[in-house]
Amino acid sequence: MKTVQFKTNIKCTGCLGKVTPGLNETAGEDNWEVDLQSLDKVLTISADDINETKIREAVEKAGYKAEKLH
């Protein structure tokens, strides 16, 4: 399983509600989480097949930013 992390500006549970449909569709329902406690609001994707471009597009379509962490 592969893991990729993105720094986001997703700040609250309301924000999570906005990105959930797109992330469920692109990453899979149980394959992602956002750490709202971290300063960088890190989105972690864990899946066998991760399309980083589509993940970023799904977050941006919901009105938020996602920058891949190295």
N, C-alpha and C. Protein backbone atom coordinates (compact mmCIF):
# COMPACT_ATOMS: atom_id res chain seq x y z
N MET A 1 0.85 -1.18 0.00
CA MET A 1 0.00 0.00 0.00
C MET A 1 0.89 1.24 0.00
N LYS A 2 0.51 2.21 -0.77
CA LYS A 2 1.26 3.46 -0.93
C LYS A 2 0.59 4.55 -0.08
N THR A 3 1.39 5.44 0.48
CA THR A 3 0.87 6.56 1.25
C THR A 3 1.44 7.86 0.70
N VAL A 4 0.55 8.84 0.49
CA VAL A 4 0.94 10.16 0.01
C VAL A 4 0.28 11.19 0.93
N GLN A 5 1.02 12.26 1.24
CA GLN A 5 0.49 13.31 2.11
C GLN A 5 0.49 14.65 1.40
N PHE A 6 -0.53 15.44 1.71
CA PHE A 6 -0.68 16.78 1.15
C PHE A 6 -0.93 17.77 2.28
N LYS A 7 -0.31 18.94 2.19
CA LYS A 7 -0.62 20.05 3.08
C LYS A 7 -1.87 20.72 2.50
N THR A 8 -2.87 20.98 3.35
CA THR A 8 -4.11 21.56 2.85
C THR A 8 -4.50 22.78 3.68
N ASN A 9 -5.58 23.43 3.27
CA ASN A 9 -6.18 24.50 4.06
C ASN A 9 -7.59 24.09 4.49
N ILE A 10 -7.81 22.79 4.67
CA ILE A 10 -9.06 22.25 5.19
C ILE A 10 -9.03 22.43 6.70
N LYS A 11 -9.93 23.26 7.24
CA LYS A 11 -9.80 23.69 8.63
C LYS A 11 -10.75 23.04 9.62
N CYS A 12 -11.91 22.55 9.15
CA CYS A 12 -12.93 22.12 10.11
C CYS A 12 -13.76 20.98 9.55
N THR A 13 -14.67 20.48 10.35
CA THR A 13 -15.52 19.37 9.89
C THR A 13 -16.44 19.80 8.76
N GLY A 14 -16.83 21.07 8.72
CA GLY A 14 -17.63 21.57 7.61
C GLY A 14 -16.84 21.51 6.31
N CYS A 15 -15.56 21.86 6.39
CA CYS A 15 -14.68 21.77 5.22
C CYS A 15 -14.55 20.32 4.78
N LEU A 16 -14.42 19.43 5.75
CA LEU A 16 -14.32 18.00 5.43
C LEU A 16 -15.55 17.53 4.66
N GLY A 17 -16.71 18.03 5.07
CA GLY A 17 -17.95 17.66 4.39
C GLY A 17 -17.94 18.06 2.92
N LYS A 18 -17.28 19.18 2.61
CA LYS A 18 -17.22 19.65 1.23
C LYS A 18 -16.27 18.81 0.37
N VAL A 19 -15.17 18.35 0.95
CA VAL A 19 -14.21 17.58 0.16
C VAL A 19 -14.50 16.08 0.15
N THR A 20 -15.33 15.61 1.06
CA THR A 20 -15.59 14.17 1.18
C THR A 20 -16.07 13.50 -0.10
N PRO A 21 -17.09 14.03 -0.79
CA PRO A 21 -17.54 13.33 -2.01
C PRO A 21 -16.44 13.14 -3.05
N GLY A 22 -15.67 14.17 -3.29
CA GLY A 22 -14.60 14.09 -4.29
C GLY A 22 -13.48 13.16 -3.87
N LEU A 23 -13.10 13.21 -2.60
CA LEU A 23 -12.03 12.33 -2.13
C LEU A 23 -12.49 10.88 -2.06
N ASN A 24 -13.74 10.65 -1.68
CA ASN A 24 -14.26 9.28 -1.69
C ASN A 24 -14.23 8.70 -3.09
N GLU A 25 -14.55 9.54 -4.06
CA GLU A 25 -14.58 9.08 -5.45
C GLU A 25 -13.18 8.81 -6.00
N THR A 26 -12.21 9.67 -5.67
CA THR A 26 -10.87 9.53 -6.25
C THR A 26 -9.94 8.64 -5.43
N ALA A 27 -10.07 8.66 -4.11
CA ALA A 27 -9.14 7.90 -3.26
C ALA A 27 -9.78 6.64 -2.68
N GLY A 28 -11.09 6.63 -2.58
CA GLY A 28 -11.77 5.51 -1.94
C GLY A 28 -12.22 5.92 -0.55
N GLU A 29 -13.38 5.46 -0.17
CA GLU A 29 -14.04 5.93 1.05
C GLU A 29 -13.22 5.80 2.33
N ASP A 30 -12.50 4.71 2.49
CA ASP A 30 -11.73 4.49 3.72
C ASP A 30 -10.24 4.69 3.53
N ASN A 31 -9.84 5.35 2.45
CA ASN A 31 -8.42 5.47 2.12
C ASN A 31 -7.82 6.83 2.40
N TRP A 32 -8.54 7.73 3.05
CA TRP A 32 -8.00 9.06 3.28
C TRP A 32 -8.46 9.61 4.63
N GLU A 33 -7.68 10.57 5.15
CA GLU A 33 -8.06 11.29 6.36
C GLU A 33 -7.31 12.61 6.39
N VAL A 34 -7.91 13.59 7.08
CA VAL A 34 -7.27 14.90 7.26
C VAL A 34 -7.05 15.08 8.75
N ASP A 35 -5.82 15.39 9.12
CA ASP A 35 -5.48 15.66 10.52
C ASP A 35 -5.75 17.13 10.80
N LEU A 36 -6.92 17.42 11.34
CA LEU A 36 -7.31 18.80 11.63
C LEU A 36 -6.52 19.38 12.80
N GLN A 37 -5.85 18.54 13.58
CA GLN A 37 -5.06 19.00 14.72
C GLN A 37 -3.67 19.49 14.30
N SER A 38 -3.18 19.02 13.16
CA SER A 38 -1.84 19.43 12.73
C SER A 38 -1.87 20.84 12.16
N LEU A 39 -0.77 21.53 12.27
CA LEU A 39 -0.66 22.90 11.78
C LEU A 39 -0.87 22.96 10.27
N ASP A 40 -0.39 21.95 9.56
CA ASP A 40 -0.48 21.92 8.10
C ASP A 40 -1.76 21.26 7.58
N LYS A 41 -2.65 20.82 8.49
CA LYS A 41 -3.91 20.17 8.08
C LYS A 41 -3.63 19.10 7.04
N VAL A 42 -2.82 18.12 7.43
CA VAL A 42 -2.30 17.12 6.50
C VAL A 42 -3.37 16.12 6.07
N LEU A 43 -3.51 16.00 4.76
CA LEU A 43 -4.37 15.00 4.13
C LEU A 43 -3.48 13.81 3.81
N THR A 44 -3.83 12.64 4.35
CA THR A 44 -3.08 11.42 4.10
C THR A 44 -3.94 10.47 3.28
N ILE A 45 -3.40 10.01 2.17
CA ILE A 45 -4.06 9.05 1.30
C ILE A 45 -3.27 7.74 1.40
N SER A 46 -3.95 6.66 1.71
CA SER A 46 -3.31 5.34 1.75
C SER A 46 -4.11 4.40 0.86
N ALA A 47 -3.51 3.99 -0.24
CA ALA A 47 -4.19 3.11 -1.20
C ALA A 47 -3.16 2.43 -2.07
N ASP A 48 -3.59 1.41 -2.78
CA ASP A 48 -2.69 0.71 -3.69
C ASP A 48 -2.39 1.54 -4.92
N ASP A 49 -3.37 2.29 -5.38
CA ASP A 49 -3.21 3.09 -6.60
C ASP A 49 -3.65 4.52 -6.29
N ILE A 50 -2.70 5.46 -6.29
CA ILE A 50 -3.00 6.85 -5.96
C ILE A 50 -2.64 7.73 -7.15
N ASN A 51 -3.62 8.46 -7.66
CA ASN A 51 -3.39 9.43 -8.72
C ASN A 51 -3.32 10.80 -8.05
N GLU A 52 -2.10 11.28 -7.82
CA GLU A 52 -1.90 12.52 -7.07
C GLU A 52 -2.56 13.71 -7.73
N THR A 53 -2.55 13.75 -9.04
CA THR A 53 -3.18 14.86 -9.77
C THR A 53 -4.68 14.88 -9.51
N LYS A 54 -5.32 13.72 -9.58
CA LYS A 54 -6.77 13.65 -9.36
C LYS A 54 -7.14 13.98 -7.92
N ILE A 55 -6.29 13.60 -6.97
CA ILE A 55 -6.53 13.94 -5.56
C ILE A 55 -6.50 15.45 -5.40
N ARG A 56 -5.46 16.07 -5.93
CA ARG A 56 -5.32 17.53 -5.84
C ARG A 56 -6.50 18.22 -6.52
N GLU A 57 -6.90 17.74 -7.68
CA GLU A 57 -8.04 18.32 -8.40
C GLU A 57 -9.34 18.18 -7.60
N ALA A 58 -9.53 17.05 -6.93
CA ALA A 58 -10.74 16.84 -6.13
C ALA A 58 -10.81 17.84 -4.98
N VAL A 59 -9.67 18.08 -4.33
CA VAL A 59 -9.61 19.04 -3.22
C VAL A 59 -9.86 20.45 -3.75
N GLU A 60 -9.22 20.80 -4.86
CA GLU A 60 -9.37 22.14 -5.44
C GLU A 60 -10.79 22.38 -5.95
N LYS A 61 -11.42 21.36 -6.48
CA LYS A 61 -12.80 21.49 -6.97
C LYS A 61 -13.75 21.84 -5.81
N ALA A 62 -13.42 21.36 -4.61
CA ALA A 62 -14.23 21.67 -3.43
C ALA A 62 -13.90 23.05 -2.86
N GLY A 63 -12.88 23.72 -3.42
CA GLY A 63 -12.54 25.07 -3.00
C GLY A 63 -11.37 25.17 -2.04
N TYR A 64 -10.56 24.13 -1.97
CA TYR A 64 -9.42 24.11 -1.05
C TYR A 64 -8.13 23.86 -1.81
N LYS A 65 -7.01 23.98 -1.12
CA LYS A 65 -5.70 23.77 -1.73
C LYS A 65 -5.07 22.50 -1.17
N ALA A 66 -4.28 21.83 -2.01
CA ALA A 66 -3.53 20.65 -1.58
C ALA A 66 -2.16 20.70 -2.23
N GLU A 67 -1.13 20.69 -1.39
CA GLU A 67 0.25 20.73 -1.86
C GLU A 67 0.95 19.49 -1.35
N LYS A 68 1.52 18.70 -2.24
CA LYS A 68 2.16 17.46 -1.85
C LYS A 68 3.34 17.72 -0.90
N LEU A 69 3.39 16.93 0.17
CA LEU A 69 4.51 16.98 1.10
C LEU A 69 5.56 15.99 0.64
N HIS A 70 6.82 16.35 0.81
CA HIS A 70 7.90 15.47 0.36
C HIS A 70 8.43 14.65 1.51
